[in-house]
Amino acid sequence: MSGKTKDQASKDADGGKAPPGPKGPAAESREDRLKAALKANMARRKAQAKARAAREAGPGDAPE
């Protein structure tokens, strides 16, 4: 053996990734929470970018 433990050898064989577990209700609700958080984050960033663009444009450049 090359000095590796059995766990290290099996970890190297599959690329170091954990085997996928069964998706239960907890995993699905976590995915839903992550999706909602991502959506809220994107909306917040979009609003910030819009406000920043309006501020840089100045009050004289505003469309009528």
PDB file of N, CA and C in Angstrom:
ATOM      1  N   MET A   1       0.831  -1.174   0.000  1.00  0.00           N
ATOM      2  CA  MET A   1       0.000   0.000   0.000  1.00  0.00           C
ATOM      3  C   MET A   1       0.879   1.241   0.000  1.00  0.00           C
ATOM      4  N   SER A   2       0.341   2.355  -0.462  1.00  0.00           N
ATOM      5  CA  SER A   2       1.154   3.552  -0.607  1.00  0.00           C
ATOM      6  C   SER A   2       1.079   4.479   0.598  1.00  0.00           C
ATOM      7  N   GLY A   3       0.602   3.997   1.740  1.00  0.00           N
ATOM      8  CA  GLY A   3       0.555   4.825   2.937  1.00  0.00           C
ATOM      9  C   GLY A   3      -0.755   5.574   3.103  1.00  0.00           C
ATOM     10  N   LYS A   4      -1.664   5.405   2.174  1.00  0.00           N
ATOM     11  CA  LYS A   4      -2.957   6.068   2.284  1.00  0.00           C
ATOM     12  C   LYS A   4      -3.932   5.167   3.029  1.00  0.00           C
ATOM     13  N   THR A   5      -4.821   5.789   3.749  1.00  0.00           N
ATOM     14  CA  THR A   5      -5.846   5.002   4.409  1.00  0.00           C
ATOM     15  C   THR A   5      -6.886   4.591   3.374  1.00  0.00           C
ATOM     16  N   LYS A   6      -7.740   3.681   3.782  1.00  0.00           N
ATOM     17  CA  LYS A   6      -8.778   3.195   2.868  1.00  0.00           C
ATOM     18  C   LYS A   6      -9.696   4.345   2.440  1.00  0.00           C
ATOM     19  N   ASP A   7     -10.040   5.234   3.382  1.00  0.00           N
ATOM     20  CA  ASP A   7     -10.911   6.367   3.066  1.00  0.00           C
ATOM     21  C   ASP A   7     -10.256   7.323   2.071  1.00  0.00           C
ATOM     22  N   GLN A   8      -8.969   7.586   2.249  1.00  0.00           N
ATOM     23  CA  GLN A   8      -8.272   8.473   1.331  1.00  0.00           C
ATOM     24  C   GLN A   8      -8.188   7.869  -0.052  1.00  0.00           C
ATOM     25  N   ALA A   9      -7.949   6.569  -0.119  1.00  0.00           N
ATOM     26  CA  ALA A   9      -7.842   5.895  -1.409  1.00  0.00           C
ATOM     27  C   ALA A   9      -9.177   5.942  -2.148  1.00  0.00           C
ATOM     28  N   SER A  10     -10.275   5.715  -1.444  1.00  0.00           N
ATOM     29  CA  SER A  10     -11.581   5.747  -2.110  1.00  0.00           C
ATOM     30  C   SER A  10     -11.943   7.177  -2.482  1.00  0.00           C
ATOM     31  N   LYS A  11     -11.510   8.149  -1.682  1.00  0.00           N
ATOM     32  CA  LYS A  11     -11.782   9.553  -1.990  1.00  0.00           C
ATOM     33  C   LYS A  11     -11.035   9.957  -3.263  1.00  0.00           C
ATOM     34  N   ASP A  12      -9.801   9.501  -3.406  1.00  0.00           N
ATOM     35  CA  ASP A  12      -9.023   9.802  -4.610  1.00  0.00           C
ATOM     36  C   ASP A  12      -9.644   9.158  -5.844  1.00  0.00           C
ATOM     37  N   ALA A  13     -10.199   7.989  -5.678  1.00  0.00           N
ATOM     38  CA  ALA A  13     -10.755   7.250  -6.810  1.00  0.00           C
ATOM     39  C   ALA A  13     -11.966   7.945  -7.408  1.00  0.00           C
ATOM     40  N   ASP A  14     -12.803   8.597  -6.569  1.00  0.00           N
ATOM     41  CA  ASP A  14     -13.998   9.241  -7.105  1.00  0.00           C
ATOM     42  C   ASP A  14     -13.829  10.750  -7.271  1.00  0.00           C
ATOM     43  N   GLY A  15     -12.636  11.244  -7.207  1.00  0.00           N
ATOM     44  CA  GLY A  15     -12.388  12.661  -7.439  1.00  0.00           C
ATOM     45  C   GLY A  15     -12.580  13.523  -6.210  1.00  0.00           C
ATOM     46  N   GLY A  16     -12.749  12.931  -5.033  1.00  0.00           N
ATOM     47  CA  GLY A  16     -12.871  13.708  -3.818  1.00  0.00           C
ATOM     48  C   GLY A  16     -14.278  14.196  -3.551  1.00  0.00           C
ATOM     49  N   LYS A  17     -15.243  13.794  -4.362  1.00  0.00           N
ATOM     50  CA  LYS A  17     -16.612  14.238  -4.161  1.00  0.00           C
ATOM     51  C   LYS A  17     -17.363  13.225  -3.318  1.00  0.00           C
ATOM     52  N   ALA A  18     -18.253  13.744  -2.490  1.00  0.00           N
ATOM     53  CA  ALA A  18     -19.087  12.852  -1.691  1.00  0.00           C
ATOM     54  C   ALA A  18     -20.153  12.240  -2.579  1.00  0.00           C
ATOM     55  N   PRO A  19     -20.539  11.022  -2.306  1.00  0.00           N
ATOM     56  CA  PRO A  19     -21.590  10.400  -3.115  1.00  0.00           C
ATOM     57  C   PRO A  19     -22.899  11.143  -2.929  1.00  0.00           C
ATOM     58  N   PRO A  20     -23.677  11.287  -3.986  1.00  0.00           N
ATOM     59  CA  PRO A  20     -24.937  12.011  -3.848  1.00  0.00           C
ATOM     60  C   PRO A  20     -25.901  11.225  -2.976  1.00  0.00           C
ATOM     61  N   GLY A  21     -26.497  11.921  -2.035  1.00  0.00           N
ATOM     62  CA  GLY A  21     -27.433  11.266  -1.130  1.00  0.00           C
ATOM     63  C   GLY A  21     -28.842  11.377  -1.683  1.00  0.00           C
ATOM     64  N   PRO A  22     -29.742  10.673  -1.075  1.00  0.00           N
ATOM     65  CA  PRO A  22     -31.125  10.762  -1.525  1.00  0.00           C
ATOM     66  C   PRO A  22     -31.685  12.148  -1.196  1.00  0.00           C
ATOM     67  N   LYS A  23     -32.416  12.706  -2.133  1.00  0.00           N
ATOM     68  CA  LYS A  23     -32.987  14.026  -1.900  1.00  0.00           C
ATOM     69  C   LYS A  23     -34.270  13.869  -1.111  1.00  0.00           C
ATOM     70  N   GLY A  24     -34.267  14.442   0.040  1.00  0.00           N
ATOM     71  CA  GLY A  24     -35.452  14.381   0.880  1.00  0.00           C
ATOM     72  C   GLY A  24     -36.117  15.745   0.925  1.00  0.00           C
ATOM     73  N   PRO A  25     -37.116  15.885   1.736  1.00  0.00           N
ATOM     74  CA  PRO A  25     -37.811  17.168   1.847  1.00  0.00           C
ATOM     75  C   PRO A  25     -36.890  18.277   2.358  1.00  0.00           C
ATOM     76  N   ALA A  26     -35.928  17.934   3.200  1.00  0.00           N
ATOM     77  CA  ALA A  26     -35.015  18.950   3.719  1.00  0.00           C
ATOM     78  C   ALA A  26     -34.136  19.508   2.597  1.00  0.00           C
ATOM     79  N   ALA A  27     -33.665  18.642   1.709  1.00  0.00           N
ATOM     80  CA  ALA A  27     -32.814  19.095   0.606  1.00  0.00           C
ATOM     81  C   ALA A  27     -33.625  19.962  -0.358  1.00  0.00           C
ATOM     82  N   GLU A  28     -34.876  19.588  -0.602  1.00  0.00           N
ATOM     83  CA  GLU A  28     -35.712  20.363  -1.511  1.00  0.00           C
ATOM     84  C   GLU A  28     -36.048  21.725  -0.919  1.00  0.00           C
ATOM     85  N   SER A  29     -36.337  21.760   0.386  1.00  0.00           N
ATOM     86  CA  SER A  29     -36.662  23.048   0.992  1.00  0.00           C
ATOM     87  C   SER A  29     -35.424  23.942   1.022  1.00  0.00           C
ATOM     88  N   ARG A  30     -34.258  23.353   1.177  1.00  0.00           N
ATOM     89  CA  ARG A  30     -33.013  24.141   1.145  1.00  0.00           C
ATOM     90  C   ARG A  30     -32.822  24.731  -0.240  1.00  0.00           C
ATOM     91  N   GLU A  31     -33.077  23.922  -1.272  1.00  0.00           N
ATOM     92  CA  GLU A  31     -32.952  24.428  -2.634  1.00  0.00           C
ATOM     93  C   GLU A  31     -33.935  25.562  -2.877  1.00  0.00           C
ATOM     94  N   ASP A  32     -35.149  25.419  -2.357  1.00  0.00           N
ATOM     95  CA  ASP A  32     -36.151  26.473  -2.511  1.00  0.00           C
ATOM     96  C   ASP A  32     -35.705  27.754  -1.811  1.00  0.00           C
ATOM     97  N   ARG A  33     -35.142  27.611  -0.612  1.00  0.00           N
ATOM     98  CA  ARG A  33     -34.654  28.798   0.114  1.00  0.00           C
ATOM     99  C   ARG A  33     -33.512  29.454  -0.641  1.00  0.00           C
ATOM    100  N   LEU A  34     -32.611  28.642  -1.193  1.00  0.00           N
ATOM    101  CA  LEU A  34     -31.490  29.203  -1.947  1.00  0.00           C
ATOM    102  C   LEU A  34     -31.971  29.918  -3.206  1.00  0.00           C
ATOM    103  N   LYS A  35     -32.961  29.339  -3.891  1.00  0.00           N
ATOM    104  CA  LYS A  35     -33.518  29.978  -5.081  1.00  0.00           C
ATOM    105  C   LYS A  35     -34.152  31.317  -4.729  1.00  0.00           C
ATOM    106  N   ALA A  36     -34.896  31.354  -3.626  1.00  0.00           N
ATOM    107  CA  ALA A  36     -35.546  32.588  -3.199  1.00  0.00           C
ATOM    108  C   ALA A  36     -34.511  33.645  -2.811  1.00  0.00           C
ATOM    109  N   ALA A  37     -33.462  33.223  -2.133  1.00  0.00           N
ATOM    110  CA  ALA A  37     -32.409  34.155  -1.732  1.00  0.00           C
ATOM    111  C   ALA A  37     -31.684  34.704  -2.957  1.00  0.00           C
ATOM    112  N   LEU A  38     -31.434  33.838  -3.929  1.00  0.00           N
ATOM    113  CA  LEU A  38     -30.765  34.279  -5.151  1.00  0.00           C
ATOM    114  C   LEU A  38     -31.630  35.273  -5.909  1.00  0.00           C
ATOM    115  N   LYS A  39     -32.924  34.990  -5.995  1.00  0.00           N
ATOM    116  CA  LYS A  39     -33.848  35.884  -6.690  1.00  0.00           C
ATOM    117  C   LYS A  39     -33.895  37.253  -6.005  1.00  0.00           C
ATOM    118  N   ALA A  40     -33.956  37.259  -4.671  1.00  0.00           N
ATOM    119  CA  ALA A  40     -33.980  38.516  -3.923  1.00  0.00           C
ATOM    120  C   ALA A  40     -32.676  39.287  -4.104  1.00  0.00           C
ATOM    121  N   ASN A  41     -31.565  38.562  -4.104  1.00  0.00           N
ATOM    122  CA  ASN A  41     -30.260  39.192  -4.278  1.00  0.00           C
ATOM    123  C   ASN A  41     -30.148  39.825  -5.667  1.00  0.00           C
ATOM    124  N   MET A  42     -30.614  39.120  -6.682  1.00  0.00           N
ATOM    125  CA  MET A  42     -30.555  39.658  -8.043  1.00  0.00           C
ATOM    126  C   MET A  42     -31.444  40.890  -8.179  1.00  0.00           C
ATOM    127  N   ALA A  43     -32.630  40.868  -7.567  1.00  0.00           N
ATOM    128  CA  ALA A  43     -33.520  42.023  -7.617  1.00  0.00           C
ATOM    129  C   ALA A  43     -32.887  43.220  -6.914  1.00  0.00           C
ATOM    130  N   ARG A  44     -32.249  42.974  -5.775  1.00  0.00           N
ATOM    131  CA  ARG A  44     -31.588  44.053  -5.044  1.00  0.00           C
ATOM    132  C   ARG A  44     -30.446  44.643  -5.858  1.00  0.00           C
ATOM    133  N   ARG A  45     -29.642  43.789  -6.488  1.00  0.00           N
ATOM    134  CA  ARG A  45     -28.527  44.275  -7.318  1.00  0.00           C
ATOM    135  C   ARG A  45     -29.033  45.075  -8.515  1.00  0.00           C
ATOM    136  N   LYS A  46     -30.127  44.623  -9.107  1.00  0.00           N
ATOM    137  CA  LYS A  46     -30.701  45.323 -10.252  1.00  0.00           C
ATOM    138  C   LYS A  46     -31.182  46.708  -9.831  1.00  0.00           C
ATOM    139  N   ALA A  47     -31.832  46.788  -8.674  1.00  0.00           N
ATOM    140  CA  ALA A  47     -32.302  48.081  -8.163  1.00  0.00           C
ATOM    141  C   ALA A  47     -31.123  49.001  -7.853  1.00  0.00           C
ATOM    142  N   GLN A  48     -30.061  48.438  -7.288  1.00  0.00           N
ATOM    143  CA  GLN A  48     -28.875  49.240  -6.988  1.00  0.00           C
ATOM    144  C   GLN A  48     -28.247  49.774  -8.268  1.00  0.00           C
ATOM    145  N   ALA A  49     -28.155  48.933  -9.286  1.00  0.00           N
ATOM    146  CA  ALA A  49     -27.558  49.358 -10.560  1.00  0.00           C
ATOM    147  C   ALA A  49     -28.411  50.439 -11.211  1.00  0.00           C
ATOM    148  N   LYS A  50     -29.725  50.290 -11.129  1.00  0.00           N
ATOM    149  CA  LYS A  50     -30.630  51.283 -11.706  1.00  0.00           C
ATOM    150  C   LYS A  50     -30.493  52.619 -10.975  1.00  0.00           C
ATOM    151  N   ALA A  51     -30.405  52.584  -9.649  1.00  0.00           N
ATOM    152  CA  ALA A  51     -30.241  53.807  -8.862  1.00  0.00           C
ATOM    153  C   ALA A  51     -28.891  54.457  -9.153  1.00  0.00           C
ATOM    154  N   ARG A  52     -27.864  53.640  -9.282  1.00  0.00           N
ATOM    155  CA  ARG A  52     -26.532  54.163  -9.570  1.00  0.00           C
ATOM    156  C   ARG A  52     -26.497  54.834 -10.953  1.00  0.00           C
ATOM    157  N   ALA A  53     -27.144  54.210 -11.927  1.00  0.00           N
ATOM    158  CA  ALA A  53     -27.179  54.778 -13.272  1.00  0.00           C
ATOM    159  C   ALA A  53     -27.959  56.083 -13.285  1.00  0.00           C
ATOM    160  N   ALA A  54     -29.049  56.136 -12.535  1.00  0.00           N
ATOM    161  CA  ALA A  54     -29.844  57.362 -12.470  1.00  0.00           C
ATOM    162  C   ALA A  54     -29.066  58.480 -11.783  1.00  0.00           C
ATOM    163  N   ARG A  55     -28.303  58.136 -10.754  1.00  0.00           N
ATOM    164  CA  ARG A  55     -27.496  59.122 -10.042  1.00  0.00           C
ATOM    165  C   ARG A  55     -26.392  59.664 -10.941  1.00  0.00           C
ATOM    166  N   GLU A  56     -25.763  58.780 -11.726  1.00  0.00           N
ATOM    167  CA  GLU A  56     -24.681  59.211 -12.610  1.00  0.00           C
ATOM    168  C   GLU A  56     -25.216  60.040 -13.768  1.00  0.00           C
ATOM    169  N   ALA A  57     -26.438  59.752 -14.214  1.00  0.00           N
ATOM    170  CA  ALA A  57     -27.022  60.487 -15.328  1.00  0.00           C
ATOM    171  C   ALA A  57     -27.336  61.920 -14.915  1.00  0.00           C
ATOM    172  N   GLY A  58     -27.678  62.110 -13.656  1.00  0.00           N
ATOM    173  CA  GLY A  58     -27.979  63.442 -13.175  1.00  0.00           C
ATOM    174  C   GLY A  58     -29.427  63.816 -13.451  1.00  0.00           C
ATOM    175  N   PRO A  59     -29.918  64.844 -12.746  1.00  0.00           N
ATOM    176  CA  PRO A  59     -31.313  65.232 -12.891  1.00  0.00           C
ATOM    177  C   PRO A  59     -31.626  65.881 -14.249  1.00  0.00           C
ATOM    178  N   GLY A  60     -30.675  66.492 -14.910  1.00  0.00           N
ATOM    179  CA  GLY A  60     -30.905  67.124 -16.196  1.00  0.00           C
ATOM    180  C   GLY A  60     -31.032  66.129 -17.342  1.00  0.00           C
ATOM    181  N   ASP A  61     -30.546  64.924 -17.174  1.00  0.00           N
ATOM    182  CA  ASP A  61     -30.556  63.916 -18.220  1.00  0.00           C
ATOM    183  C   ASP A  61     -31.748  62.975 -18.112  1.00  0.00           C
ATOM    184  N   ALA A  62     -32.646  63.212 -17.160  1.00  0.00           N
ATOM    185  CA  ALA A  62     -33.762  62.300 -16.946  1.00  0.00           C
ATOM    186  C   ALA A  62     -34.745  62.388 -18.112  1.00  0.00           C
ATOM    187  N   PRO A  63     -35.238  61.254 -18.592  1.00  0.00           N
ATOM    188  CA  PRO A  63     -36.227  61.280 -19.683  1.00  0.00           C
ATOM    189  C   PRO A  63     -37.569  61.798 -19.191  1.00  0.00           C
ATOM    190  N   GLU A  64     -38.304  62.425 -20.081  1.00  0.00           N
ATOM    191  CA  GLU A  64     -39.594  62.989 -19.695  1.00  0.00           C
ATOM    192  C   GLU A  64     -40.709  62.046 -19.959  1.00  0.00           C
TER     193      GLU A  64
END
